[in-house]
Amino acid sequence: MIQAVLFDLDGTLADTALDLGGALNTLLTRHGLPAKSMDEIRTQASHGAAGLLKLGAGITPDHPDYAQWRTEYLDEYDSRYAQDTALFDGVNEMIAELDKRGIKWGIITNKPMRFTDKLVPKLGFVIPPAVVVSGDTCGESKPSVKPMLYACEQIHADPQHTVYVGDAERDMQAGRNAGMKTVLADWGYIAAEDQTETWPFDHRIASPLDLLKIL
């Protein structure tokens, strides 16, 4: 019996790419660099600041200026984090049905608490999440199992009776290693070069409402 379904946020519950990408392109323009297309941005949006800065400026975490770029990017995102972000179609209908079935739901994201705590209440969930775990809640983020187990503890759910839904390889790894059933969200921010067939998922679904068919 499924006790809980936990979800990634960016690219799984909410389409955040327009705001993540808008912040990136504002930053790139400021530094005299060409803007990136939304198609390019969507494939990297699940990888957070690190993925977007690599895409836009070729700057990786081992670059001496990475910390400065990351700070500047996050400050820019902070000014527009909820401007164009919205839930994917079918998310609220899915959540309402989970609640009807007595299944708890929550969020485990690598997004910093600085943004999660402000964004989640603005998204208009029909029923609030039972738990929200951010990338810096536990000191480790996915693919670590720490946030997965912490979320289950908070809502008194057995990981063996919990499902995790996400759109990135680290989501599937974290869920599987925590003992959860894993579901890949095909509508998310998946790049053409991602070898999804090698990811450790139990199911893959094309839309949020498809989740209800496999529970």
N, C-alpha and C. Protein backbone atom coordinates (compact mmCIF):
# COMPACT_ATOMS: atom_id res chain seq x y z
N MET A 1 0.85 -1.21 0.00
CA MET A 1 0.00 0.00 0.00
C MET A 1 0.87 1.25 0.00
N ILE A 2 0.58 2.16 -0.91
CA ILE A 2 1.34 3.40 -1.01
C ILE A 2 0.88 4.38 0.08
N GLN A 3 1.83 4.82 0.90
CA GLN A 3 1.52 5.77 1.97
C GLN A 3 1.74 7.22 1.55
N ALA A 4 2.72 7.44 0.66
CA ALA A 4 3.08 8.81 0.27
C ALA A 4 3.67 8.84 -1.13
N VAL A 5 3.48 9.96 -1.80
CA VAL A 5 4.15 10.24 -3.07
C VAL A 5 4.90 11.55 -2.90
N LEU A 6 6.19 11.51 -3.16
CA LEU A 6 7.05 12.68 -3.04
C LEU A 6 7.53 13.08 -4.42
N PHE A 7 7.70 14.37 -4.63
CA PHE A 7 7.99 14.88 -5.97
C PHE A 7 9.19 15.82 -5.96
N ASP A 8 9.93 15.79 -7.06
CA ASP A 8 10.84 16.87 -7.39
C ASP A 8 9.98 18.10 -7.70
N LEU A 9 10.58 19.28 -7.69
CA LEU A 9 9.80 20.50 -7.94
C LEU A 9 9.99 21.01 -9.37
N ASP A 10 11.19 21.48 -9.69
CA ASP A 10 11.46 22.06 -11.01
C ASP A 10 11.39 20.99 -12.09
N GLY A 11 10.50 21.18 -13.05
CA GLY A 11 10.39 20.25 -14.16
C GLY A 11 9.51 19.06 -13.87
N THR A 12 9.00 18.95 -12.66
CA THR A 12 8.12 17.83 -12.30
C THR A 12 6.75 18.34 -11.87
N LEU A 13 6.72 19.19 -10.86
CA LEU A 13 5.47 19.81 -10.45
C LEU A 13 5.27 21.17 -11.11
N ALA A 14 6.35 21.95 -11.19
CA ALA A 14 6.25 23.32 -11.68
C ALA A 14 7.19 23.57 -12.86
N ASP A 15 6.69 24.33 -13.82
CA ASP A 15 7.49 24.74 -14.97
C ASP A 15 8.19 26.05 -14.60
N THR A 16 9.41 25.92 -14.13
CA THR A 16 10.18 27.06 -13.63
C THR A 16 11.18 27.59 -14.65
N ALA A 17 11.24 26.97 -15.83
CA ALA A 17 12.30 27.29 -16.79
C ALA A 17 12.28 28.74 -17.27
N LEU A 18 11.10 29.32 -17.43
CA LEU A 18 11.04 30.70 -17.92
C LEU A 18 11.70 31.67 -16.95
N ASP A 19 11.51 31.45 -15.66
CA ASP A 19 12.13 32.34 -14.68
C ASP A 19 13.61 32.02 -14.48
N LEU A 20 13.94 30.73 -14.46
CA LEU A 20 15.36 30.35 -14.36
C LEU A 20 16.13 30.87 -15.58
N GLY A 21 15.51 30.71 -16.75
CA GLY A 21 16.16 31.15 -17.98
C GLY A 21 16.18 32.66 -18.13
N GLY A 22 15.12 33.31 -17.69
CA GLY A 22 15.09 34.77 -17.75
C GLY A 22 16.19 35.38 -16.91
N ALA A 23 16.41 34.80 -15.73
CA ALA A 23 17.49 35.28 -14.87
C ALA A 23 18.84 35.06 -15.52
N LEU A 24 19.00 33.90 -16.15
CA LEU A 24 20.28 33.61 -16.83
C LEU A 24 20.54 34.59 -17.96
N ASN A 25 19.54 34.81 -18.79
CA ASN A 25 19.75 35.68 -19.95
C ASN A 25 19.98 37.13 -19.54
N THR A 26 19.35 37.57 -18.48
CA THR A 26 19.63 38.92 -17.96
C THR A 26 21.08 39.02 -17.53
N LEU A 27 21.56 37.99 -16.86
CA LEU A 27 22.95 37.96 -16.40
C LEU A 27 23.92 37.92 -17.58
N LEU A 28 23.62 37.09 -18.57
CA LEU A 28 24.50 36.98 -19.74
C LEU A 28 24.58 38.30 -20.49
N THR A 29 23.45 38.96 -20.67
CA THR A 29 23.42 40.25 -21.36
C THR A 29 24.27 41.27 -20.61
N ARG A 30 24.17 41.25 -19.29
CA ARG A 30 24.95 42.16 -18.45
C ARG A 30 26.44 41.96 -18.66
N HIS A 31 26.83 40.73 -18.92
CA HIS A 31 28.25 40.42 -19.09
C HIS A 31 28.67 40.39 -20.56
N GLY A 32 27.79 40.86 -21.45
CA GLY A 32 28.14 40.94 -22.86
C GLY A 32 28.16 39.61 -23.58
N LEU A 33 27.42 38.63 -23.06
CA LEU A 33 27.36 37.30 -23.66
C LEU A 33 26.00 37.09 -24.32
N PRO A 34 25.95 36.25 -25.36
CA PRO A 34 24.67 36.02 -26.06
C PRO A 34 23.67 35.26 -25.19
N ALA A 35 22.41 35.61 -25.35
CA ALA A 35 21.35 34.92 -24.62
C ALA A 35 21.17 33.50 -25.15
N LYS A 36 20.60 32.65 -24.33
CA LYS A 36 20.33 31.27 -24.72
C LYS A 36 18.85 31.11 -25.02
N SER A 37 18.54 30.19 -25.94
CA SER A 37 17.14 29.94 -26.27
C SER A 37 16.47 29.15 -25.16
N MET A 38 15.15 29.23 -25.11
CA MET A 38 14.42 28.49 -24.09
C MET A 38 14.57 26.99 -24.27
N ASP A 39 14.71 26.54 -25.52
CA ASP A 39 14.93 25.10 -25.75
C ASP A 39 16.22 24.65 -25.09
N GLU A 40 17.27 25.45 -25.21
CA GLU A 40 18.55 25.12 -24.58
C GLU A 40 18.43 25.15 -23.05
N ILE A 41 17.74 26.15 -22.56
CA ILE A 41 17.60 26.33 -21.12
C ILE A 41 16.82 25.20 -20.48
N ARG A 42 15.76 24.76 -21.13
CA ARG A 42 14.90 23.72 -20.55
C ARG A 42 15.66 22.43 -20.28
N THR A 43 16.62 22.11 -21.13
CA THR A 43 17.37 20.86 -20.94
C THR A 43 18.31 20.93 -19.74
N GLN A 44 18.62 22.13 -19.28
CA GLN A 44 19.55 22.29 -18.16
C GLN A 44 18.88 22.80 -16.89
N ALA A 45 17.58 23.12 -16.98
CA ALA A 45 16.91 23.78 -15.86
C ALA A 45 16.90 22.93 -14.59
N SER A 46 16.87 21.60 -14.73
CA SER A 46 16.86 20.75 -13.54
C SER A 46 18.20 20.73 -12.83
N HIS A 47 19.23 21.20 -13.52
CA HIS A 47 20.58 21.16 -12.94
C HIS A 47 20.94 22.43 -12.18
N GLY A 48 19.96 23.32 -12.01
CA GLY A 48 20.15 24.49 -11.16
C GLY A 48 21.18 25.46 -11.68
N ALA A 49 21.71 26.27 -10.77
CA ALA A 49 22.64 27.32 -11.14
C ALA A 49 23.88 26.75 -11.83
N ALA A 50 24.37 25.62 -11.35
CA ALA A 50 25.58 25.04 -11.93
C ALA A 50 25.38 24.69 -13.40
N GLY A 51 24.26 24.03 -13.71
CA GLY A 51 24.00 23.66 -15.09
C GLY A 51 23.77 24.86 -15.99
N LEU A 52 23.06 25.84 -15.47
CA LEU A 52 22.74 27.02 -16.29
C LEU A 52 23.95 27.91 -16.52
N LEU A 53 24.81 28.04 -15.53
CA LEU A 53 26.02 28.85 -15.71
C LEU A 53 27.00 28.17 -16.67
N LYS A 54 27.03 26.86 -16.64
CA LYS A 54 27.87 26.14 -17.60
C LYS A 54 27.33 26.34 -19.01
N LEU A 55 26.02 26.24 -19.16
CA LEU A 55 25.38 26.44 -20.46
C LEU A 55 25.63 27.85 -20.99
N GLY A 56 25.42 28.85 -20.14
CA GLY A 56 25.44 30.23 -20.61
C GLY A 56 26.81 30.85 -20.71
N ALA A 57 27.68 30.55 -19.75
CA ALA A 57 28.98 31.22 -19.69
C ALA A 57 30.17 30.26 -19.70
N GLY A 58 29.88 28.96 -19.74
CA GLY A 58 30.98 27.99 -19.72
C GLY A 58 31.70 27.95 -18.39
N ILE A 59 31.03 28.41 -17.35
CA ILE A 59 31.65 28.48 -16.02
C ILE A 59 31.15 27.32 -15.17
N THR A 60 32.08 26.52 -14.66
CA THR A 60 31.78 25.36 -13.83
C THR A 60 32.22 25.62 -12.40
N PRO A 61 31.78 24.78 -11.45
CA PRO A 61 32.10 25.03 -10.04
C PRO A 61 33.60 25.10 -9.71
N ASP A 62 34.45 24.57 -10.57
CA ASP A 62 35.89 24.65 -10.31
C ASP A 62 36.53 25.93 -10.88
N HIS A 63 35.73 26.77 -11.52
CA HIS A 63 36.22 28.04 -12.06
C HIS A 63 36.43 29.02 -10.91
N PRO A 64 37.52 29.78 -10.93
CA PRO A 64 37.79 30.70 -9.81
C PRO A 64 36.71 31.76 -9.60
N ASP A 65 35.95 32.09 -10.65
CA ASP A 65 34.91 33.11 -10.52
C ASP A 65 33.51 32.50 -10.33
N TYR A 66 33.44 31.19 -10.15
CA TYR A 66 32.13 30.54 -10.07
C TYR A 66 31.27 31.09 -8.93
N ALA A 67 31.85 31.24 -7.77
CA ALA A 67 31.07 31.70 -6.61
C ALA A 67 30.45 33.07 -6.88
N GLN A 68 31.23 33.94 -7.51
CA GLN A 68 30.72 35.29 -7.81
C GLN A 68 29.58 35.21 -8.83
N TRP A 69 29.76 34.40 -9.87
CA TRP A 69 28.72 34.24 -10.88
C TRP A 69 27.46 33.63 -10.28
N ARG A 70 27.65 32.62 -9.42
CA ARG A 70 26.50 31.95 -8.80
C ARG A 70 25.70 32.94 -7.93
N THR A 71 26.41 33.74 -7.15
CA THR A 71 25.74 34.72 -6.30
C THR A 71 24.95 35.72 -7.15
N GLU A 72 25.57 36.18 -8.22
CA GLU A 72 24.92 37.16 -9.09
C GLU A 72 23.69 36.54 -9.77
N TYR A 73 23.84 35.27 -10.18
CA TYR A 73 22.71 34.59 -10.82
C TYR A 73 21.55 34.41 -9.83
N LEU A 74 21.84 33.93 -8.65
CA LEU A 74 20.79 33.69 -7.66
C LEU A 74 20.09 34.99 -7.26
N ASP A 75 20.85 36.07 -7.16
CA ASP A 75 20.24 37.36 -6.85
C ASP A 75 19.28 37.79 -7.96
N GLU A 76 19.68 37.52 -9.20
CA GLU A 76 18.82 37.86 -10.34
C GLU A 76 17.56 36.99 -10.33
N TYR A 77 17.73 35.70 -10.06
CA TYR A 77 16.58 34.80 -9.99
C TYR A 77 15.63 35.20 -8.85
N ASP A 78 16.21 35.68 -7.77
CA ASP A 78 15.42 36.09 -6.61
C ASP A 78 14.46 37.22 -6.96
N SER A 79 14.81 38.00 -7.96
CA SER A 79 13.97 39.14 -8.34
C SER A 79 12.80 38.74 -9.23
N ARG A 80 12.78 37.44 -9.69
CA ARG A 80 11.72 37.05 -10.62
C ARG A 80 11.31 35.58 -10.47
N TYR A 81 11.58 34.97 -9.34
CA TYR A 81 11.40 33.53 -9.16
C TYR A 81 9.97 33.05 -9.41
N ALA A 82 8.98 33.92 -9.25
CA ALA A 82 7.59 33.50 -9.44
C ALA A 82 6.89 34.29 -10.54
N GLN A 83 7.65 34.94 -11.39
CA GLN A 83 7.06 35.81 -12.42
C GLN A 83 6.29 35.01 -13.47
N ASP A 84 6.93 33.97 -14.00
CA ASP A 84 6.31 33.18 -15.07
C ASP A 84 6.17 31.71 -14.71
N THR A 85 6.52 31.33 -13.52
CA THR A 85 6.45 29.94 -13.09
C THR A 85 5.01 29.53 -12.80
N ALA A 86 4.66 28.31 -13.22
CA ALA A 86 3.31 27.80 -12.98
C ALA A 86 3.34 26.28 -12.88
N LEU A 87 2.32 25.72 -12.26
CA LEU A 87 2.21 24.26 -12.19
C LEU A 87 1.95 23.69 -13.58
N PHE A 88 2.47 22.50 -13.83
CA PHE A 88 2.16 21.81 -15.07
C PHE A 88 0.68 21.40 -15.07
N ASP A 89 0.11 21.30 -16.25
CA ASP A 89 -1.28 20.88 -16.39
C ASP A 89 -1.49 19.51 -15.74
N GLY A 90 -2.54 19.39 -14.97
CA GLY A 90 -2.88 18.12 -14.37
C GLY A 90 -2.33 17.91 -12.97
N VAL A 91 -1.41 18.77 -12.53
CA VAL A 91 -0.79 18.57 -11.21
C VAL A 91 -1.82 18.68 -10.09
N ASN A 92 -2.64 19.73 -10.11
CA ASN A 92 -3.61 19.88 -9.02
C ASN A 92 -4.68 18.79 -9.03
N GLU A 93 -5.08 18.36 -10.20
CA GLU A 93 -6.04 17.27 -10.29
C GLU A 93 -5.45 15.99 -9.71
N MET A 94 -4.18 15.75 -10.01
CA MET A 94 -3.49 14.57 -9.48
C MET A 94 -3.40 14.63 -7.96
N ILE A 95 -3.02 15.80 -7.42
CA ILE A 95 -2.89 15.96 -5.97
C ILE A 95 -4.23 15.77 -5.27
N ALA A 96 -5.28 16.30 -5.87
CA ALA A 96 -6.61 16.14 -5.28
C ALA A 96 -7.00 14.67 -5.19
N GLU A 97 -6.64 13.91 -6.21
CA GLU A 97 -6.97 12.48 -6.21
C GLU A 97 -6.11 11.72 -5.19
N LEU A 98 -4.84 12.11 -5.05
CA LEU A 98 -4.00 11.48 -4.03
C LEU A 98 -4.62 11.68 -2.64
N ASP A 99 -5.06 12.90 -2.40
CA ASP A 99 -5.68 13.20 -1.11
C ASP A 99 -6.96 12.39 -0.91
N LYS A 100 -7.72 12.26 -1.96
CA LYS A 100 -8.96 11.48 -1.90
C LYS A 100 -8.66 10.03 -1.53
N ARG A 101 -7.53 9.53 -1.99
CA ARG A 101 -7.14 8.15 -1.71
C ARG A 101 -6.41 8.00 -0.37
N GLY A 102 -6.25 9.10 0.35
CA GLY A 102 -5.57 9.04 1.63
C GLY A 102 -4.07 8.93 1.54
N ILE A 103 -3.50 9.37 0.42
CA ILE A 103 -2.06 9.31 0.19
C ILE A 103 -1.45 10.69 0.43
N LYS A 104 -0.48 10.77 1.31
CA LYS A 104 0.19 12.05 1.58
C LYS A 104 1.09 12.41 0.39
N TRP A 105 1.33 13.71 0.23
CA TRP A 105 2.26 14.12 -0.82
C TRP A 105 3.19 15.20 -0.30
N GLY A 106 4.36 15.28 -0.90
CA GLY A 106 5.34 16.27 -0.48
C GLY A 106 6.38 16.54 -1.56
N ILE A 107 7.30 17.42 -1.23
CA ILE A 107 8.30 17.88 -2.20
C ILE A 107 9.70 17.64 -1.66
N ILE A 108 10.57 17.10 -2.50
CA ILE A 108 12.01 17.03 -2.21
C ILE A 108 12.72 17.63 -3.40
N THR A 109 13.34 18.77 -3.22
CA THR A 109 13.98 19.50 -4.31
C THR A 109 15.41 19.87 -3.94
N ASN A 110 16.23 20.06 -4.94
CA ASN A 110 17.58 20.58 -4.70
C ASN A 110 17.61 22.10 -4.71
N LYS A 111 16.47 22.71 -4.94
CA LYS A 111 16.36 24.17 -4.92
C LYS A 111 16.66 24.67 -3.51
N PRO A 112 17.45 25.72 -3.34
CA PRO A 112 17.73 26.23 -2.00
C PRO A 112 16.47 26.68 -1.27
N MET A 113 16.47 26.52 0.03
CA MET A 113 15.35 26.92 0.88
C MET A 113 15.00 28.40 0.66
N ARG A 114 16.00 29.18 0.35
CA ARG A 114 15.81 30.61 0.10
C ARG A 114 14.70 30.85 -0.94
N PHE A 115 14.60 29.95 -1.92
CA PHE A 115 13.58 30.10 -2.96
C PHE A 115 12.37 29.20 -2.71
N THR A 116 12.62 27.99 -2.25
CA THR A 116 11.52 27.04 -2.06
C THR A 116 10.48 27.58 -1.09
N ASP A 117 10.95 28.13 0.02
CA ASP A 117 10.03 28.60 1.06
C ASP A 117 9.12 29.72 0.55
N LYS A 118 9.60 30.49 -0.43
CA LYS A 118 8.78 31.58 -0.97
C LYS A 118 7.93 31.11 -2.15
N LEU A 119 8.50 30.20 -2.96
CA LEU A 119 7.82 29.81 -4.20
C LEU A 119 6.65 28.87 -3.96
N VAL A 120 6.85 27.85 -3.13
CA VAL A 120 5.82 26.82 -2.95
C VAL A 120 4.47 27.41 -2.56
N PRO A 121 4.40 28.37 -1.61
CA PRO A 121 3.09 28.93 -1.26
C PRO A 121 2.43 29.72 -2.38
N LYS A 122 3.21 30.16 -3.38
CA LYS A 122 2.68 30.97 -4.47
C LYS A 122 2.17 30.12 -5.64
N LEU A 123 2.42 28.81 -5.61
CA LEU A 123 2.11 27.98 -6.77
C LEU A 123 0.66 27.56 -6.86
N GLY A 124 -0.09 27.74 -5.80
CA GLY A 124 -1.52 27.46 -5.86
C GLY A 124 -1.88 25.99 -5.77
N PHE A 125 -1.14 25.23 -5.00
CA PHE A 125 -1.48 23.82 -4.82
C PHE A 125 -2.86 23.70 -4.19
N VAL A 126 -3.67 22.80 -4.70
CA VAL A 126 -5.03 22.63 -4.20
C VAL A 126 -5.02 22.12 -2.76
N ILE A 127 -3.99 21.37 -2.41
CA ILE A 127 -3.77 20.90 -1.04
C ILE A 127 -2.29 21.12 -0.74
N PRO A 128 -1.95 21.76 0.38
CA PRO A 128 -0.55 22.03 0.68
C PRO A 128 0.25 20.74 0.86
N PRO A 129 1.54 20.75 0.51
CA PRO A 129 2.37 19.56 0.72
C PRO A 129 2.52 19.24 2.21
N ALA A 130 2.58 17.95 2.51
CA ALA A 130 2.76 17.53 3.90
C ALA A 130 4.17 17.79 4.38
N VAL A 131 5.12 17.87 3.45
CA VAL A 131 6.51 18.13 3.79
C VAL A 131 7.19 18.78 2.58
N VAL A 132 8.12 19.69 2.86
CA VAL A 132 8.95 20.29 1.81
C VAL A 132 10.39 20.20 2.27
N VAL A 133 11.21 19.51 1.50
CA VAL A 133 12.64 19.39 1.81
C VAL A 133 13.42 20.06 0.69
N SER A 134 14.21 21.07 1.04
CA SER A 134 14.99 21.82 0.06
C SER A 134 16.40 21.26 -0.05
N GLY A 135 17.16 21.79 -0.99
CA GLY A 135 18.51 21.29 -1.22
C GLY A 135 19.45 21.49 -0.06
N ASP A 136 19.15 22.45 0.80
CA ASP A 136 20.02 22.73 1.95
C ASP A 136 19.35 22.41 3.28
N THR A 137 18.26 21.66 3.26
CA THR A 137 17.58 21.31 4.50
C THR A 137 18.39 20.34 5.34
N CYS A 138 19.02 19.37 4.68
CA CYS A 138 19.70 18.27 5.40
C CYS A 138 21.22 18.34 5.33
N GLY A 139 21.75 19.37 4.67
CA GLY A 139 23.20 19.43 4.52
C GLY A 139 23.70 18.64 3.31
N GLU A 140 22.85 17.82 2.74
CA GLU A 140 23.16 17.08 1.52
C GLU A 140 21.92 17.12 0.63
N SER A 141 22.15 17.12 -0.67
CA SER A 141 21.03 17.16 -1.62
C SER A 141 21.07 15.91 -2.49
N LYS A 142 20.01 15.69 -3.25
CA LYS A 142 19.97 14.54 -4.16
C LYS A 142 21.18 14.58 -5.10
N PRO A 143 21.83 13.45 -5.34
CA PRO A 143 21.36 12.08 -5.19
C PRO A 143 21.55 11.45 -3.81
N SER A 144 21.93 12.22 -2.80
CA SER A 144 22.00 11.68 -1.45
C SER A 144 20.63 11.17 -1.01
N VAL A 145 20.63 10.12 -0.19
CA VAL A 145 19.36 9.61 0.33
C VAL A 145 18.90 10.40 1.56
N LYS A 146 19.77 11.24 2.08
CA LYS A 146 19.42 11.97 3.31
C LYS A 146 18.10 12.73 3.20
N PRO A 147 17.91 13.55 2.17
CA PRO A 147 16.63 14.28 2.09
C PRO A 147 15.44 13.36 1.89
N MET A 148 15.66 12.22 1.24
CA MET A 148 14.57 11.27 1.00
C MET A 148 14.10 10.68 2.33
N LEU A 149 15.05 10.21 3.12
CA LEU A 149 14.70 9.58 4.40
C LEU A 149 14.16 10.61 5.39
N TYR A 150 14.72 11.83 5.34
CA TYR A 150 14.24 12.89 6.22
C TYR A 150 12.77 13.20 5.93
N ALA A 151 12.42 13.31 4.65
CA ALA A 151 11.03 13.60 4.28
C ALA A 151 10.10 12.52 4.81
N CYS A 152 10.50 11.26 4.66
CA CYS A 152 9.66 10.16 5.14
C CYS A 152 9.49 10.21 6.66
N GLU A 153 10.56 10.54 7.35
CA GLU A 153 10.48 10.65 8.81
C GLU A 153 9.48 11.73 9.21
N GLN A 154 9.51 12.85 8.50
CA GLN A 154 8.65 13.98 8.85
C GLN A 154 7.17 13.66 8.71
N ILE A 155 6.83 12.79 7.76
CA ILE A 155 5.42 12.49 7.52
C ILE A 155 5.06 11.06 7.95
N HIS A 156 6.00 10.40 8.63
CA HIS A 156 5.76 9.05 9.16
C HIS A 156 5.36 8.07 8.06
N ALA A 157 6.14 8.11 6.97
CA ALA A 157 5.91 7.20 5.85
C ALA A 157 7.10 6.24 5.74
N ASP A 158 6.81 5.01 5.43
CA ASP A 158 7.85 4.00 5.21
C ASP A 158 8.38 4.18 3.78
N PRO A 159 9.71 4.35 3.61
CA PRO A 159 10.24 4.50 2.25
C PRO A 159 9.82 3.36 1.32
N GLN A 160 9.67 2.17 1.86
CA GLN A 160 9.27 1.02 1.04
C GLN A 160 7.84 1.18 0.50
N HIS A 161 7.07 2.06 1.13
CA HIS A 161 5.69 2.30 0.70
C HIS A 161 5.52 3.75 0.20
N THR A 162 6.63 4.28 -0.32
CA THR A 162 6.65 5.65 -0.82
C THR A 162 7.11 5.66 -2.28
N VAL A 163 6.53 6.55 -3.07
CA VAL A 163 6.90 6.72 -4.48
C VAL A 163 7.58 8.07 -4.64
N TYR A 164 8.66 8.09 -5.44
CA TYR A 164 9.30 9.38 -5.74
C TYR A 164 9.23 9.63 -7.23
N VAL A 165 8.78 10.83 -7.58
CA VAL A 165 8.59 11.23 -8.98
C VAL A 165 9.54 12.38 -9.30
N GLY A 166 10.33 12.24 -10.36
CA GLY A 166 11.25 13.31 -10.74
C GLY A 166 11.63 13.21 -12.20
N ASP A 167 12.41 14.20 -12.67
CA ASP A 167 12.76 14.25 -14.09
C ASP A 167 14.25 14.19 -14.34
N ALA A 168 15.05 13.85 -13.32
CA ALA A 168 16.50 13.82 -13.47
C ALA A 168 17.06 12.49 -12.97
N GLU A 169 18.24 12.14 -13.46
CA GLU A 169 18.87 10.88 -13.06
C GLU A 169 19.10 10.83 -11.55
N ARG A 170 19.51 11.96 -10.98
CA ARG A 170 19.77 11.98 -9.53
C ARG A 170 18.49 11.73 -8.74
N ASP A 171 17.33 12.11 -9.29
CA ASP A 171 16.06 11.84 -8.64
C ASP A 171 15.82 10.33 -8.54
N MET A 172 16.06 9.66 -9.66
CA MET A 172 15.85 8.21 -9.71
C MET A 172 16.84 7.50 -8.80
N GLN A 173 18.09 7.97 -8.80
CA GLN A 173 19.11 7.36 -7.96
C GLN A 173 18.77 7.53 -6.48
N ALA A 174 18.40 8.74 -6.09
CA ALA A 174 18.09 9.01 -4.68
C ALA A 174 16.89 8.20 -4.21
N GLY A 175 15.85 8.16 -5.03
CA GLY A 175 14.66 7.40 -4.67
C GLY A 175 14.95 5.92 -4.56
N ARG A 176 15.64 5.38 -5.55
CA ARG A 176 15.94 3.95 -5.55
C ARG A 176 16.82 3.57 -4.36
N ASN A 177 17.84 4.38 -4.09
CA ASN A 177 18.76 4.07 -3.00
C ASN A 177 18.11 4.22 -1.62
N ALA A 178 17.03 5.00 -1.56
CA ALA A 178 16.30 5.14 -0.30
C ALA A 178 15.25 4.04 -0.11
N GLY A 179 15.10 3.18 -1.13
CA GLY A 179 14.16 2.09 -1.04
C GLY A 179 12.77 2.41 -1.57
N MET A 180 12.63 3.55 -2.24
CA MET A 180 11.34 3.96 -2.78
C MET A 180 11.12 3.40 -4.19
N LYS A 181 9.87 3.39 -4.63
CA LYS A 181 9.57 3.17 -6.03
C LYS A 181 9.81 4.49 -6.77
N THR A 182 10.41 4.42 -7.94
CA THR A 182 10.76 5.64 -8.66
C THR A 182 9.99 5.75 -9.97
N VAL A 183 9.57 6.99 -10.26
CA VAL A 183 8.79 7.27 -11.47
C VAL A 183 9.42 8.44 -12.20
N LEU A 184 9.74 8.25 -13.47
CA LEU A 184 10.35 9.29 -14.29
C LEU A 184 9.27 10.12 -14.97
N ALA A 185 9.34 11.43 -14.77
CA ALA A 185 8.39 12.38 -15.37
C ALA A 185 8.88 12.80 -16.75
N ASP A 186 8.32 12.20 -17.78
CA ASP A 186 8.80 12.45 -19.14
C ASP A 186 8.51 13.86 -19.64
N TRP A 187 7.63 14.60 -18.97
CA TRP A 187 7.33 15.97 -19.41
C TRP A 187 8.37 16.96 -18.88
N GLY A 188 9.30 16.49 -18.09
CA GLY A 188 10.24 17.37 -17.41
C GLY A 188 11.40 17.83 -18.27
N TYR A 189 12.43 18.33 -17.59
CA TYR A 189 13.57 18.94 -18.28
C TYR A 189 14.62 17.88 -18.61
N ILE A 190 14.32 17.07 -19.60
CA ILE A 190 15.19 15.97 -20.02
C ILE A 190 15.84 16.35 -21.35
N ALA A 191 17.16 16.24 -21.42
CA ALA A 191 17.89 16.59 -22.63
C ALA A 191 17.92 15.41 -23.61
N ALA A 192 18.06 15.73 -24.89
CA ALA A 192 18.07 14.68 -25.91
C ALA A 192 19.20 13.69 -25.68
N GLU A 193 20.32 14.18 -25.12
CA GLU A 193 21.47 13.30 -24.91
C GLU A 193 21.39 12.49 -23.62
N ASP A 194 20.41 12.77 -22.79
CA ASP A 194 20.25 11.99 -21.55
C ASP A 194 19.90 10.54 -21.88
N GLN A 195 20.65 9.62 -21.32
CA GLN A 195 20.41 8.20 -21.59
C GLN A 195 19.44 7.66 -20.53
N THR A 196 18.19 8.07 -20.67
CA THR A 196 17.19 7.77 -19.63
C THR A 196 16.98 6.27 -19.45
N GLU A 197 17.26 5.49 -20.48
CA GLU A 197 17.04 4.05 -20.37
C GLU A 197 17.98 3.40 -19.35
N THR A 198 19.04 4.11 -18.97
CA THR A 198 19.99 3.58 -17.98
C THR A 198 19.65 4.05 -16.56
N TRP A 199 18.66 4.93 -16.43
CA TRP A 199 18.32 5.47 -15.12
C TRP A 199 17.51 4.45 -14.32
N PRO A 200 17.67 4.44 -13.00
CA PRO A 200 16.99 3.41 -12.19
C PRO A 200 15.54 3.77 -11.81
N PHE A 201 14.65 3.73 -12.79
CA PHE A 201 13.25 4.03 -12.50
C PHE A 201 12.42 2.75 -12.64
N ASP A 202 11.30 2.73 -11.92
CA ASP A 202 10.36 1.61 -11.99
C ASP A 202 9.29 1.85 -13.04
N HIS A 203 8.91 3.11 -13.22
CA HIS A 203 7.90 3.48 -14.21
C HIS A 203 8.30 4.81 -14.83
N ARG A 204 7.78 5.07 -16.02
CA ARG A 204 7.90 6.41 -16.61
C ARG A 204 6.52 6.81 -17.12
N ILE A 205 6.19 8.07 -16.93
CA ILE A 205 4.84 8.54 -17.26
C ILE A 205 4.93 9.80 -18.11
N ALA A 206 3.91 10.00 -18.94
CA ALA A 206 3.91 11.11 -19.89
C ALA A 206 3.23 12.36 -19.37
N SER A 207 2.41 12.21 -18.29
CA SER A 207 1.71 13.36 -17.73
C SER A 207 1.45 13.11 -16.26
N PRO A 208 1.23 14.18 -15.48
CA PRO A 208 0.97 14.00 -14.05
C PRO A 208 -0.18 13.05 -13.76
N LEU A 209 -1.25 13.13 -14.52
CA LEU A 209 -2.42 12.29 -14.25
C LEU A 209 -2.13 10.80 -14.51
N ASP A 210 -1.11 10.52 -15.32
CA ASP A 210 -0.75 9.12 -15.57
C ASP A 210 -0.25 8.43 -14.29
N LEU A 211 0.21 9.22 -13.33
CA LEU A 211 0.68 8.63 -12.09
C LEU A 211 -0.43 7.84 -11.40
N LEU A 212 -1.65 8.32 -11.49
CA LEU A 212 -2.77 7.69 -10.81
C LEU A 212 -3.03 6.28 -11.32
N LYS A 213 -2.62 6.01 -12.56
CA LYS A 213 -2.87 4.69 -13.15
C LYS A 213 -1.93 3.62 -12.62
N ILE A 214 -0.79 4.05 -12.06
CA ILE A 214 0.21 3.06 -11.65
C ILE A 214 0.29 2.89 -10.14
N LEU A 215 -0.44 3.70 -9.39
CA LEU A 215 -0.40 3.58 -7.94
C LEU A 215 -1.27 2.41 -7.45
